[in-house]
Each structure stands twice: as structure tokens, then as C-alpha cells.
Amino acid sequence: MTEAIVDLAVAHPMVKFQRQVESLVKKSKMVQPTDPIWKIAFLFGDDWAHWKQELEEFEFSTQDPIQELLAVQSWEED
């Protein structure tokens, strides 16, 4: 049991953000995968400045389509 706990990795904060955006696309239908990332800014309110900075660190632009954000497999930083 102890081994299983030690092997768990802490997920990158962008994983949680990506899941939230995916939920907005799939469940709420508020945005489409082809919409630009800036459309989700209104939905994240005061937290948007933080997430925009995170996205820019991964070389995303607010003009990129949401589907590019959802396609990321790993959020490891270089």
C-alpha cells in the first residue's frame, strides 16, 4: 500500500485547467473546440489573468483554438 502512495505523481495545475475547459466544451456547450481560447476568459473571471500567463508560458496564444489546448498530452515544463 505504501508503494502505491509513493508512486503517485502530483498533477500539473494545467491538467485541472484542461479538464475544466474540456467540461465546458463537452457538457455545457458554451464554447466549441474550434473557438479561440480567449472565449473562455469570460468564464474564468478573476482567475483568467493567472491562466492566461500559464498558457503563454506553454506558448499558447489567446487566438489559438481551444482544441489545441485540449490536445496536450503532457504538461511537463522544459
C-alpha atoms as a PDB file:
ATOM      1  CA  MET A   1       0.000   0.000   0.000  1.00  0.00           C
ATOM      2  CA  THR A   2       2.811   2.399   0.830  1.00  0.00           C
ATOM      3  CA  GLU A   3       4.384   1.803  -2.578  1.00  0.00           C
ATOM      4  CA  ALA A   4       1.215   2.920  -4.350  1.00  0.00           C
ATOM      5  CA  ILE A   5       1.170   6.199  -2.450  1.00  0.00           C
ATOM      6  CA  VAL A   6       4.826   6.901  -3.221  1.00  0.00           C
ATOM      7  CA  ASP A   7       4.320   6.258  -6.951  1.00  0.00           C
ATOM      8  CA  LEU A   8       1.513   8.815  -7.321  1.00  0.00           C
ATOM      9  CA  ALA A   9       2.628  11.946  -9.136  1.00  0.00           C
ATOM     10  CA  VAL A  10       1.216  15.357  -8.400  1.00  0.00           C
ATOM     11  CA  ALA A  11      -0.681  16.592 -11.448  1.00  0.00           C
ATOM     12  CA  HIS A  12       0.405  19.848 -13.064  1.00  0.00           C
ATOM     13  CA  PRO A  13      -2.119  22.667 -12.414  1.00  0.00           C
ATOM     14  CA  MET A  14      -2.698  22.877 -16.158  1.00  0.00           C
ATOM     15  CA  VAL A  15      -4.210  19.381 -16.064  1.00  0.00           C
ATOM     16  CA  LYS A  16      -7.026  20.681 -13.851  1.00  0.00           C
ATOM     17  CA  PHE A  17      -7.486  23.724 -16.096  1.00  0.00           C
ATOM     18  CA  GLN A  18      -7.566  21.495 -19.177  1.00  0.00           C
ATOM     19  CA  ARG A  19     -10.245  19.299 -17.575  1.00  0.00           C
ATOM     20  CA  GLN A  20     -12.349  22.353 -16.720  1.00  0.00           C
ATOM     21  CA  VAL A  21     -12.135  23.612 -20.293  1.00  0.00           C
ATOM     22  CA  GLU A  22     -12.940  20.147 -21.631  1.00  0.00           C
ATOM     23  CA  SER A  23     -16.033  20.085 -19.430  1.00  0.00           C
ATOM     24  CA  LEU A  24     -17.109  23.473 -20.786  1.00  0.00           C
ATOM     25  CA  VAL A  25     -16.800  22.131 -24.323  1.00  0.00           C
ATOM     26  CA  LYS A  26     -18.418  18.737 -23.797  1.00  0.00           C
ATOM     27  CA  LYS A  27     -21.051  19.269 -21.133  1.00  0.00           C
ATOM     28  CA  SER A  28     -22.099  22.883 -21.174  1.00  0.00           C
ATOM     29  CA  LYS A  29     -21.651  23.514 -24.899  1.00  0.00           C
ATOM     30  CA  MET A  30     -20.798  27.135 -24.009  1.00  0.00           C
ATOM     31  CA  VAL A  31     -17.771  27.007 -26.291  1.00  0.00           C
ATOM     32  CA  GLN A  32     -16.772  24.883 -29.262  1.00  0.00           C
ATOM     33  CA  PRO A  33     -13.382  23.195 -29.807  1.00  0.00           C
ATOM     34  CA  THR A  34     -12.771  25.481 -32.780  1.00  0.00           C
ATOM     35  CA  ASP A  35     -13.411  28.665 -30.773  1.00  0.00           C
ATOM     36  CA  PRO A  36     -10.369  30.752 -29.841  1.00  0.00           C
ATOM     37  CA  ILE A  37      -9.052  30.361 -26.313  1.00  0.00           C
ATOM     38  CA  TRP A  38      -9.972  33.972 -25.454  1.00  0.00           C
ATOM     39  CA  LYS A  39     -13.651  32.967 -25.334  1.00  0.00           C
ATOM     40  CA  ILE A  40     -13.096  31.096 -22.094  1.00  0.00           C
ATOM     41  CA  ALA A  41     -11.621  34.212 -20.447  1.00  0.00           C
ATOM     42  CA  PHE A  42     -15.092  35.455 -19.539  1.00  0.00           C
ATOM     43  CA  LEU A  43     -15.939  32.144 -17.890  1.00  0.00           C
ATOM     44  CA  PHE A  44     -12.859  32.128 -15.647  1.00  0.00           C
ATOM     45  CA  GLY A  45     -13.386  35.684 -14.423  1.00  0.00           C
ATOM     46  CA  ASP A  46     -10.774  36.898 -11.936  1.00  0.00           C
ATOM     47  CA  ASP A  47      -8.708  33.711 -12.373  1.00  0.00           C
ATOM     48  CA  TRP A  48      -8.175  34.391 -16.077  1.00  0.00           C
ATOM     49  CA  ALA A  49      -5.015  36.505 -15.620  1.00  0.00           C
ATOM     50  CA  HIS A  50      -3.323  33.551 -13.932  1.00  0.00           C
ATOM     51  CA  TRP A  51      -4.424  31.025 -16.550  1.00  0.00           C
ATOM     52  CA  LYS A  52      -3.515  33.341 -19.428  1.00  0.00           C
ATOM     53  CA  GLN A  53       0.005  33.632 -18.029  1.00  0.00           C
ATOM     54  CA  GLU A  54       0.227  29.840 -17.673  1.00  0.00           C
ATOM     55  CA  LEU A  55      -0.938  29.387 -21.269  1.00  0.00           C
ATOM     56  CA  GLU A  56       1.609  31.905 -22.538  1.00  0.00           C
ATOM     57  CA  GLU A  57       4.372  30.026 -20.707  1.00  0.00           C
ATOM     58  CA  PHE A  58       3.407  26.995 -22.806  1.00  0.00           C
ATOM     59  CA  GLU A  59       3.456  29.172 -25.943  1.00  0.00           C
ATOM     60  CA  PHE A  60      -0.305  29.356 -26.397  1.00  0.00           C
ATOM     61  CA  SER A  61      -1.952  32.450 -27.781  1.00  0.00           C
ATOM     62  CA  THR A  62      -5.472  33.547 -26.944  1.00  0.00           C
ATOM     63  CA  GLN A  63      -6.144  33.247 -30.686  1.00  0.00           C
ATOM     64  CA  ASP A  64      -5.315  29.519 -30.742  1.00  0.00           C
ATOM     65  CA  PRO A  65      -8.315  27.199 -30.982  1.00  0.00           C
ATOM     66  CA  ILE A  66      -9.437  25.504 -27.772  1.00  0.00           C
ATOM     67  CA  GLN A  67      -8.897  22.111 -29.428  1.00  0.00           C
ATOM     68  CA  GLU A  68      -5.125  22.729 -29.353  1.00  0.00           C
ATOM     69  CA  LEU A  69      -5.294  23.192 -25.580  1.00  0.00           C
ATOM     70  CA  LEU A  70      -7.341  20.014 -25.220  1.00  0.00           C
ATOM     71  CA  ALA A  71      -4.911  18.034 -27.384  1.00  0.00           C
ATOM     72  CA  VAL A  72      -1.971  18.457 -24.984  1.00  0.00           C
ATOM     73  CA  GLN A  73      -0.925  15.060 -23.625  1.00  0.00           C
ATOM     74  CA  SER A  74       1.686  16.198 -21.114  1.00  0.00           C
ATOM     75  CA  TRP A  75       2.183  19.483 -19.263  1.00  0.00           C
ATOM     76  CA  GLU A  76       5.799  18.915 -18.323  1.00  0.00           C
ATOM     77  CA  GLU A  77       7.860  22.055 -18.257  1.00  0.00           C
ATOM     78  CA  ASP A  78      11.225  22.193 -20.028  1.00  0.00           C
END
